[in-house]
Protein backbone atom coordinates (compact mmCIF):
# COMPACT_ATOMS: atom_id res chain seq x y z
CA MET A 1 148.28 103.87 75.75
CA PHE A 2 146.81 101.27 78.02
CA PHE A 3 143.24 102.31 77.13
CA LYS A 4 144.02 102.51 73.41
CA LYS A 5 144.42 98.75 73.33
CA TYR A 6 140.91 98.25 74.74
CA ILE A 7 139.18 101.10 72.93
CA ASN A 8 140.20 99.82 69.52
CA ASN A 9 138.82 96.37 70.30
CA LYS A 10 135.53 95.27 68.67
CA TYR A 11 134.46 93.51 71.87
CA PHE A 12 134.71 96.78 73.77
CA TYR A 13 132.22 98.40 71.39
CA THR A 14 129.95 95.39 71.48
CA GLY A 15 129.95 95.46 75.28
CA LEU A 16 129.35 99.21 75.30
CA VAL A 17 126.37 98.87 72.97
CA PHE A 18 125.02 96.03 75.12
CA LEU A 19 125.45 98.12 78.28
CA ILE A 20 123.67 101.12 76.77
CA TRP A 21 120.87 98.88 75.51
CA TRP A 22 120.56 97.23 78.93
CA VAL A 23 120.41 100.52 80.82
CA TYR A 24 118.05 102.48 78.57
CA PHE A 25 116.19 100.49 75.94
CA ASP A 26 115.52 97.01 77.28
CA GLN A 27 112.08 96.12 78.62
CA GLU A 28 113.71 95.13 81.90
CA SER A 29 116.15 98.05 81.98
CA ILE A 30 117.79 99.31 85.14
CA ILE A 31 115.67 102.47 85.07
CA VAL A 32 112.45 100.45 84.87
CA GLN A 33 113.65 98.18 87.68
CA TYR A 34 114.49 101.19 89.85
CA ASN A 35 111.03 102.70 89.31
CA LEU A 36 109.36 99.36 90.07
CA ALA A 37 111.39 99.05 93.27
CA LYS A 38 110.22 102.50 94.39
CA ILE A 39 106.60 101.56 93.68
CA ARG A 40 107.03 98.28 95.54
CA THR A 41 108.45 100.06 98.59
CA GLY A 42 105.49 102.45 98.61
CA LEU A 43 103.03 99.58 98.35
CA GLU A 44 104.75 97.69 101.18
CA ASN A 45 104.50 100.79 103.37
CA GLN A 46 100.80 101.08 102.53
CA LYS A 47 100.32 97.42 103.36
CA GLU A 48 101.92 97.87 106.77
CA PHE A 49 99.77 100.93 107.46
CA TYR A 50 96.55 99.16 106.52
CA LEU A 51 97.44 96.05 108.52
CA GLU A 52 98.00 98.26 111.59
CA GLU A 53 94.67 100.00 110.96
CA ILE A 54 92.93 96.62 110.67
CA GLU A 55 94.37 95.56 114.02
CA LYS A 56 93.21 98.82 115.63
CA ASP A 57 89.73 98.37 114.18
CA LYS A 58 89.54 94.76 115.34
CA ALA A 59 90.47 95.85 118.85
CA ALA A 60 87.87 98.63 118.75
CA ILE A 61 85.18 96.24 117.51
CA ASN A 62 86.04 93.74 120.22
CA THR A 63 85.88 96.47 122.87
CA LEU A 64 82.57 97.82 121.59
CA GLN A 65 81.00 94.35 121.46
CA ASN A 66 82.00 93.46 125.00
CA ASP A 67 81.94 96.73 126.99
CA THR A 68 78.68 98.68 127.26
CA VAL A 69 80.37 101.68 128.88
CA GLU A 70 82.75 102.04 125.94
CA LEU A 71 79.86 101.52 123.50
CA GLU A 72 77.93 104.36 125.14
CA LYS A 73 81.02 106.59 125.12
CA TYR A 74 81.63 105.84 121.44
CA ALA A 75 78.01 106.60 120.51
CA ARG A 76 78.10 109.89 122.41
CA GLU A 77 81.38 111.03 120.87
CA LYS A 78 80.90 109.91 117.28
CA TYR A 79 77.16 110.22 116.73
CA PHE A 80 76.25 112.87 119.34
CA MET A 81 73.69 110.59 120.95
CA LYS A 82 72.23 111.63 124.27
CA LYS A 83 69.89 110.55 126.98
CA ASP A 84 66.40 112.04 127.12
CA ASP A 85 67.19 114.45 129.94
CA GLU A 86 70.48 115.74 128.48
CA ASP A 87 71.49 118.51 126.11
CA VAL A 88 74.41 118.14 123.72
CA PHE A 89 76.53 121.12 122.78
CA VAL A 90 78.94 120.74 119.87
CA ILE A 91 81.95 123.05 120.03
CA VAL A 92 83.87 123.55 116.80
CA LYS A 93 87.32 125.05 117.12
CA ASP A 94 88.61 127.25 114.30
CA ASP A 95 92.20 126.67 113.31
CA GLU A 96 93.89 130.05 113.15
CA ASN A 97 97.28 129.39 111.62
């Protein structure tokens, strides 16, 4: 009986229609806002990852510009460079999972 008073009210139906419109049909609906929030979170995580990678790369560049031993080590590991009297053997490990 308590709900009958509110259910038979025209303002209840108006509010219900407004609520349904707001949740599903509006350009700025709750569903759209939820999806945009998920996308934003993903983009913020990507931003943090790339900022960390930039810092790592800056440190590596600084090290390679200032340390000849590290530069030689990097060239040997990444580009398989060698001295004239050396032989380089590349070992490739097969992943057997």
